């Protein structure tokens, strides 16, 4: 009789363990199902972020390359074009700016004349300003922006700056030793220092 009672008690314990195991299996299946759903949503979200990133990169490539290349073309007879390349380094997306001419890409700082770098730097600043949302005040101050551009091209640079000012509604305040850069300026002021005092004269 005692043996039967012990067997019955053991069976009850086993039945309870079975029921608990079944409950845990059911919960685990539900967790796996929800986990798969979350994983799918994360993958979908990651794909959306990737697509937005690619579209943003394409927009930046077009915007930066277009403005800078147009600026270079307006001044040089055989201009470089600016290429914007996004590359992955150390798990981060970085932007490389390269000059290209005749199918050859070069580092602007090490393989081209300083004048081309000056013009590209100027254009990049304008491109950066034009992409601001909201935009800052429509005034840009520049100190010797074309200092390495040859004298015979300074007038073309002045014309380009004037055209950009008109098209973008942007005022440029420029400090320069190059008189030709002021050929198309709305106003020109000459500053001379005498006995440590600056004298300003309107031209």
C-alpha atoms as a PDB file:
ATOM      1  CA  UNK A   1       0.000   0.000   0.000  1.00  0.00           C
ATOM      2  CA  UNK A   2       2.818   2.337   0.859  1.00  0.00           C
ATOM      3  CA  UNK A   3       4.561   1.454  -2.399  1.00  0.00           C
ATOM      4  CA  UNK A   4       1.435   2.376  -4.333  1.00  0.00           C
ATOM      5  CA  UNK A   5       1.193   5.661  -2.492  1.00  0.00           C
ATOM      6  CA  UNK A   6       4.837   6.451  -3.233  1.00  0.00           C
ATOM      7  CA  UNK A   7       4.348   5.637  -6.906  1.00  0.00           C
ATOM      8  CA  UNK A   8       1.248   7.862  -7.038  1.00  0.00           C
ATOM      9  CA  UNK A   9       3.152  10.716  -5.350  1.00  0.00           C
ATOM     10  CA  UNK A  10       6.036  10.325  -7.799  1.00  0.00           C
ATOM     11  CA  UNK A  11       3.645  10.312 -10.739  1.00  0.00           C
ATOM     12  CA  UNK A  12       2.008  13.476  -9.453  1.00  0.00           C
ATOM     13  CA  UNK A  13       5.427  15.125  -9.152  1.00  0.00           C
ATOM     14  CA  UNK A  14       6.343  14.035 -12.656  1.00  0.00           C
ATOM     15  CA  UNK A  15       3.002  15.278 -13.961  1.00  0.00           C
ATOM     16  CA  UNK A  16       3.617  18.620 -12.287  1.00  0.00           C
ATOM     17  CA  UNK A  17       7.111  18.797 -13.761  1.00  0.00           C
ATOM     18  CA  UNK A  18       5.703  17.937 -17.183  1.00  0.00           C
ATOM     19  CA  UNK A  19       3.084  20.667 -16.911  1.00  0.00           C
ATOM     20  CA  UNK A  20       5.748  23.202 -15.849  1.00  0.00           C
ATOM     21  CA  UNK A  21       8.018  22.126 -18.699  1.00  0.00           C
ATOM     22  CA  UNK A  22       5.195  22.503 -21.201  1.00  0.00           C
ATOM     23  CA  UNK A  23       4.433  25.967 -19.820  1.00  0.00           C
ATOM     24  CA  UNK A  24       8.091  26.983 -20.148  1.00  0.00           C
ATOM     25  CA  UNK A  25       8.242  25.618 -23.706  1.00  0.00           C
ATOM     26  CA  UNK A  26       5.144  27.616 -24.604  1.00  0.00           C
ATOM     27  CA  UNK A  27       6.616  30.798 -23.101  1.00  0.00           C
ATOM     28  CA  UNK A  28       9.951  30.218 -24.866  1.00  0.00           C
ATOM     29  CA  UNK A  29       8.183  29.736 -28.206  1.00  0.00           C
ATOM     30  CA  UNK A  30       6.315  33.004 -27.655  1.00  0.00           C
ATOM     31  CA  UNK A  31       9.547  34.785 -26.756  1.00  0.00           C
ATOM     32  CA  UNK A  32      11.250  33.393 -29.871  1.00  0.00           C
ATOM     33  CA  UNK A  33       8.292  34.513 -31.985  1.00  0.00           C
ATOM     34  CA  UNK A  34       8.405  38.018 -30.516  1.00  0.00           C
ATOM     35  CA  UNK A  35      12.191  38.054 -30.838  1.00  0.00           C
ATOM     36  CA  UNK A  36      11.967  37.157 -34.527  1.00  0.00           C
ATOM     37  CA  UNK A  37       9.385  39.889 -34.988  1.00  0.00           C
ATOM     38  CA  UNK A  38      11.654  42.433 -33.267  1.00  0.00           C
ATOM     39  CA  UNK A  39      14.625  41.219 -35.312  1.00  0.00           C
ATOM     40  CA  UNK A  40      12.658  41.668 -38.526  1.00  0.00           C
ATOM     41  CA  UNK A  41      11.641  45.173 -37.472  1.00  0.00           C
ATOM     42  CA  UNK A  42      15.249  46.038 -36.568  1.00  0.00           C
ATOM     43  CA  UNK A  43      16.477  44.727 -39.904  1.00  0.00           C
ATOM     44  CA  UNK A  44      13.794  46.712 -41.695  1.00  0.00           C
ATOM     45  CA  UNK A  45      14.676  49.846 -39.730  1.00  0.00           C
ATOM     46  CA  UNK A  46      18.378  49.326 -40.450  1.00  0.00           C
ATOM     47  CA  UNK A  47      17.620  48.993 -44.168  1.00  0.00           C
ATOM     48  CA  UNK A  48      15.605  52.218 -44.090  1.00  0.00           C
ATOM     49  CA  UNK A  49      18.471  54.011 -42.316  1.00  0.00           C
ATOM     50  CA  UNK A  50      20.916  52.618 -44.897  1.00  0.00           C
ATOM     51  CA  UNK A  51      18.746  53.807 -47.783  1.00  0.00           C
ATOM     52  CA  UNK A  52      18.350  57.263 -46.241  1.00  0.00           C
ATOM     53  CA  UNK A  53      22.117  57.400 -45.722  1.00  0.00           C
ATOM     54  CA  UNK A  54      22.764  56.487 -49.358  1.00  0.00           C
ATOM     55  CA  UNK A  55      20.265  59.076 -50.594  1.00  0.00           C
ATOM     56  CA  UNK A  56      21.875  61.694 -48.360  1.00  0.00           C
ATOM     57  CA  UNK A  57      25.304  60.787 -49.677  1.00  0.00           C
ATOM     58  CA  UNK A  58      24.065  61.007 -53.262  1.00  0.00           C
ATOM     59  CA  UNK A  59      22.561  64.423 -52.550  1.00  0.00           C
ATOM     60  CA  UNK A  60      25.775  65.652 -50.931  1.00  0.00           C
ATOM     61  CA  UNK A  61      27.869  64.259 -53.773  1.00  0.00           C
ATOM     62  CA  UNK A  62      25.773  66.040 -56.359  1.00  0.00           C
ATOM     63  CA  UNK A  63      25.455  69.302 -54.424  1.00  0.00           C
ATOM     64  CA  UNK A  64      29.102  69.637 -53.405  1.00  0.00           C
ATOM     65  CA  UNK A  65      30.557  68.355 -56.680  1.00  0.00           C
ATOM     66  CA  UNK A  66      28.254  70.462 -58.816  1.00  0.00           C
ATOM     67  CA  UNK A  67      28.862  73.794 -57.101  1.00  0.00           C
ATOM     68  CA  UNK A  68      32.620  73.298 -56.807  1.00  0.00           C
ATOM     69  CA  UNK A  69      33.053  72.047 -60.369  1.00  0.00           C
ATOM     70  CA  UNK A  70      31.069  75.009 -61.733  1.00  0.00           C
ATOM     71  CA  UNK A  71      33.280  77.404 -59.767  1.00  0.00           C
ATOM     72  CA  UNK A  72      36.437  75.778 -61.139  1.00  0.00           C
ATOM     73  CA  UNK A  73      35.050  75.826 -64.694  1.00  0.00           C
ATOM     74  CA  UNK A  74      34.226  79.524 -64.448  1.00  0.00           C
ATOM     75  CA  UNK A  75      37.881  80.401 -63.806  1.00  0.00           C
ATOM     76  CA  UNK A  76      40.178  77.794 -65.360  1.00  0.00           C
ATOM     77  CA  UNK A  77      40.449  76.848 -69.038  1.00  0.00           C
ATOM     78  CA  UNK A  78      41.307  73.217 -68.265  1.00  0.00           C
ATOM     79  CA  UNK A  79      39.667  72.776 -64.883  1.00  0.00           C
ATOM     80  CA  UNK A  80      39.581  69.906 -62.459  1.00  0.00           C
ATOM     81  CA  UNK A  81      36.250  68.464 -61.441  1.00  0.00           C
ATOM     82  CA  UNK A  82      35.627  67.714 -57.786  1.00  0.00           C
ATOM     83  CA  UNK A  83      34.776  64.141 -56.864  1.00  0.00           C
ATOM     84  CA  UNK A  84      33.151  63.312 -53.551  1.00  0.00           C
ATOM     85  CA  UNK A  85      33.662  59.739 -52.402  1.00  0.00           C
ATOM     86  CA  UNK A  86      32.192  58.200 -49.248  1.00  0.00           C
ATOM     87  CA  UNK A  87      34.283  55.382 -47.815  1.00  0.00           C
ATOM     88  CA  UNK A  88      34.093  53.160 -44.736  1.00  0.00           C
ATOM     89  CA  UNK A  89      37.049  53.466 -42.353  1.00  0.00           C
ATOM     90  CA  UNK A  90      37.183  52.158 -38.790  1.00  0.00           C
ATOM     91  CA  UNK A  91      33.431  51.408 -38.928  1.00  0.00           C
ATOM     92  CA  UNK A  92      32.694  55.022 -39.825  1.00  0.00           C
ATOM     93  CA  UNK A  93      31.662  56.690 -43.060  1.00  0.00           C
ATOM     94  CA  UNK A  94      34.209  59.293 -44.147  1.00  0.00           C
ATOM     95  CA  UNK A  95      34.189  61.702 -47.067  1.00  0.00           C
ATOM     96  CA  UNK A  96      37.139  62.025 -49.453  1.00  0.00           C
ATOM     97  CA  UNK A  97      37.392  65.073 -51.712  1.00  0.00           C
ATOM     98  CA  UNK A  98      39.459  64.528 -54.841  1.00  0.00           C
ATOM     99  CA  UNK A  99      40.279  66.492 -57.977  1.00  0.00           C
ATOM    100  CA  UNK A 100      39.839  64.653 -61.262  1.00  0.00           C
ATOM    101  CA  UNK A 101      41.062  65.551 -64.716  1.00  0.00           C
ATOM    102  CA  UNK A 102      41.549  63.278 -67.696  1.00  0.00           C
ATOM    103  CA  UNK A 103      40.381  60.291 -65.685  1.00  0.00           C
ATOM    104  CA  UNK A 104      43.123  60.765 -63.076  1.00  0.00           C
ATOM    105  CA  UNK A 105      42.222  61.503 -59.461  1.00  0.00           C
ATOM    106  CA  UNK A 106      44.582  63.529 -57.277  1.00  0.00           C
ATOM    107  CA  UNK A 107      44.699  64.814 -53.728  1.00  0.00           C
ATOM    108  CA  UNK A 108      43.888  68.541 -53.996  1.00  0.00           C
ATOM    109  CA  UNK A 109      46.413  69.549 -51.329  1.00  0.00           C
ATOM    110  CA  UNK A 110      49.361  67.631 -52.699  1.00  0.00           C
ATOM    111  CA  UNK A 111      48.937  67.415 -56.448  1.00  0.00           C
ATOM    112  CA  UNK A 112      47.440  70.659 -57.767  1.00  0.00           C
ATOM    113  CA  UNK A 113      48.136  74.354 -57.827  1.00  0.00           C
ATOM    114  CA  UNK A 114      47.162  76.450 -54.855  1.00  0.00           C
ATOM    115  CA  UNK A 115      44.814  78.538 -56.970  1.00  0.00           C
ATOM    116  CA  UNK A 116      42.560  75.580 -57.722  1.00  0.00           C
ATOM    117  CA  UNK A 117      42.471  74.714 -54.013  1.00  0.00           C
ATOM    118  CA  UNK A 118      41.515  78.314 -53.168  1.00  0.00           C
ATOM    119  CA  UNK A 119      38.609  78.242 -55.626  1.00  0.00           C
ATOM    120  CA  UNK A 120      37.452  74.799 -54.437  1.00  0.00           C
ATOM    121  CA  UNK A 121      37.702  75.863 -50.795  1.00  0.00           C
ATOM    122  CA  UNK A 122      35.624  78.952 -51.528  1.00  0.00           C
ATOM    123  CA  UNK A 123      32.981  76.898 -53.385  1.00  0.00           C
ATOM    124  CA  UNK A 124      32.831  74.299 -50.600  1.00  0.00           C
ATOM    125  CA  UNK A 125      32.109  77.024 -48.092  1.00  0.00           C
ATOM    126  CA  UNK A 126      29.257  78.280 -50.260  1.00  0.00           C
ATOM    127  CA  UNK A 127      27.918  74.729 -50.663  1.00  0.00           C
ATOM    128  CA  UNK A 128      28.063  74.215 -46.900  1.00  0.00           C
ATOM    129  CA  UNK A 129      26.191  77.473 -46.293  1.00  0.00           C
ATOM    130  CA  UNK A 130      23.518  76.643 -48.875  1.00  0.00           C
ATOM    131  CA  UNK A 131      22.753  73.285 -47.182  1.00  0.00           C
ATOM    132  CA  UNK A 132      22.147  74.779 -43.735  1.00  0.00           C
ATOM    133  CA  UNK A 133      18.593  74.407 -42.436  1.00  0.00           C
ATOM    134  CA  UNK A 134      17.755  77.009 -41.419  1.00  0.00           C
ATOM    135  CA  UNK A 135      20.414  79.072 -43.108  1.00  0.00           C
ATOM    136  CA  UNK A 136      22.539  81.483 -41.163  1.00  0.00           C
ATOM    137  CA  UNK A 137      22.587  85.177 -41.998  1.00  0.00           C
ATOM    138  CA  UNK A 138      23.248  85.809 -45.685  1.00  0.00           C
ATOM    139  CA  UNK A 139      26.706  87.265 -45.074  1.00  0.00           C
ATOM    140  CA  UNK A 140      30.032  85.513 -45.457  1.00  0.00           C
ATOM    141  CA  UNK A 141      33.312  87.132 -44.461  1.00  0.00           C
ATOM    142  CA  UNK A 142      36.500  85.934 -46.172  1.00  0.00           C
ATOM    143  CA  UNK A 143      40.140  86.780 -45.506  1.00  0.00           C
ATOM    144  CA  UNK A 144      42.365  86.471 -48.601  1.00  0.00           C
ATOM    145  CA  UNK A 145      40.129  83.811 -50.204  1.00  0.00           C
ATOM    146  CA  UNK A 146      42.079  83.700 -53.496  1.00  0.00           C
ATOM    147  CA  UNK A 147      45.598  84.453 -52.260  1.00  0.00           C
ATOM    148  CA  UNK A 148      47.215  81.677 -54.323  1.00  0.00           C
ATOM    149  CA  UNK A 149      45.214  82.318 -57.486  1.00  0.00           C
ATOM    150  CA  UNK A 150      47.370  83.863 -60.211  1.00  0.00           C
ATOM    151  CA  UNK A 151      46.857  87.564 -60.911  1.00  0.00           C
ATOM    152  CA  UNK A 152      45.553  86.996 -64.443  1.00  0.00           C
ATOM    153  CA  UNK A 153      42.645  84.924 -63.014  1.00  0.00           C
ATOM    154  CA  UNK A 154      41.684  87.254 -60.165  1.00  0.00           C
ATOM    155  CA  UNK A 155      39.222  89.183 -62.335  1.00  0.00           C
ATOM    156  CA  UNK A 156      37.405  85.969 -63.305  1.00  0.00           C
ATOM    157  CA  UNK A 157      37.201  85.109 -59.617  1.00  0.00           C
ATOM    158  CA  UNK A 158      35.727  88.533 -58.913  1.00  0.00           C
ATOM    159  CA  UNK A 159      33.119  87.977 -61.625  1.00  0.00           C
ATOM    160  CA  UNK A 160      32.253  84.531 -60.195  1.00  0.00           C
ATOM    161  CA  UNK A 161      31.824  85.941 -56.684  1.00  0.00           C
ATOM    162  CA  UNK A 162      29.595  88.718 -58.019  1.00  0.00           C
ATOM    163  CA  UNK A 163      27.398  86.204 -59.879  1.00  0.00           C
ATOM    164  CA  UNK A 164      27.062  83.975 -56.826  1.00  0.00           C
ATOM    165  CA  UNK A 165      26.132  86.982 -54.729  1.00  0.00           C
ATOM    166  CA  UNK A 166      23.316  87.860 -57.138  1.00  0.00           C
ATOM    167  CA  UNK A 167      22.000  84.322 -57.544  1.00  0.00           C
ATOM    168  CA  UNK A 168      22.074  83.368 -53.874  1.00  0.00           C
ATOM    169  CA  UNK A 169      21.242  86.734 -52.339  1.00  0.00           C
ATOM    170  CA  UNK A 170      24.483  86.393 -50.406  1.00  0.00           C
ATOM    171  CA  UNK A 171      26.720  89.257 -49.312  1.00  0.00           C
ATOM    172  CA  UNK A 172      30.470  88.740 -49.330  1.00  0.00           C
ATOM    173  CA  UNK A 173      32.778  90.873 -47.231  1.00  0.00           C
ATOM    174  CA  UNK A 174      36.283  90.190 -48.478  1.00  0.00           C
ATOM    175  CA  UNK A 175      39.684  91.278 -47.222  1.00  0.00           C
ATOM    176  CA  UNK A 176      42.317  91.008 -49.936  1.00  0.00           C
ATOM    177  CA  UNK A 177      45.573  92.492 -51.178  1.00  0.00           C
ATOM    178  CA  UNK A 178      44.585  91.620 -54.754  1.00  0.00           C
ATOM    179  CA  UNK A 179      43.036  94.723 -56.313  1.00  0.00           C
ATOM    180  CA  UNK A 180      41.721  92.723 -59.295  1.00  0.00           C
ATOM    181  CA  UNK A 181      39.516  90.709 -56.948  1.00  0.00           C
ATOM    182  CA  UNK A 182      37.529  93.888 -56.290  1.00  0.00           C
ATOM    183  CA  UNK A 183      36.839  94.640 -59.979  1.00  0.00           C
ATOM    184  CA  UNK A 184      33.201  93.543 -59.704  1.00  0.00           C
ATOM    185  CA  UNK A 185      32.635  94.522 -56.084  1.00  0.00           C
ATOM    186  CA  UNK A 186      29.689  96.768 -55.225  1.00  0.00           C
ATOM    187  CA  UNK A 187      31.889  98.769 -52.881  1.00  0.00           C
ATOM    188  CA  UNK A 188      35.611  98.921 -52.319  1.00  0.00           C
ATOM    189  CA  UNK A 189      37.452 100.332 -49.330  1.00  0.00           C
ATOM    190  CA  UNK A 190      41.187 100.883 -49.146  1.00  0.00           C
ATOM    191  CA  UNK A 191      42.740 100.553 -45.714  1.00  0.00           C
ATOM    192  CA  UNK A 192      46.174 101.990 -44.968  1.00  0.00           C
ATOM    193  CA  UNK A 193      48.031 102.180 -41.692  1.00  0.00           C
ATOM    194  CA  UNK A 194      49.810 105.410 -40.827  1.00  0.00           C
ATOM    195  CA  UNK A 195      51.551 105.899 -37.512  1.00  0.00           C
ATOM    196  CA  UNK A 196      49.769 102.795 -36.200  1.00  0.00           C
ATOM    197  CA  UNK A 197      46.329 104.136 -37.129  1.00  0.00           C
ATOM    198  CA  UNK A 198      44.141 102.545 -39.844  1.00  0.00           C
ATOM    199  CA  UNK A 199      42.821 104.976 -42.442  1.00  0.00           C
ATOM    200  CA  UNK A 200      39.824 103.837 -44.474  1.00  0.00           C
ATOM    201  CA  UNK A 201      39.067 105.382 -47.832  1.00  0.00           C
ATOM    202  CA  UNK A 202      36.179 104.511 -50.147  1.00  0.00           C
ATOM    203  CA  UNK A 203      37.283 103.934 -53.744  1.00  0.00           C
END
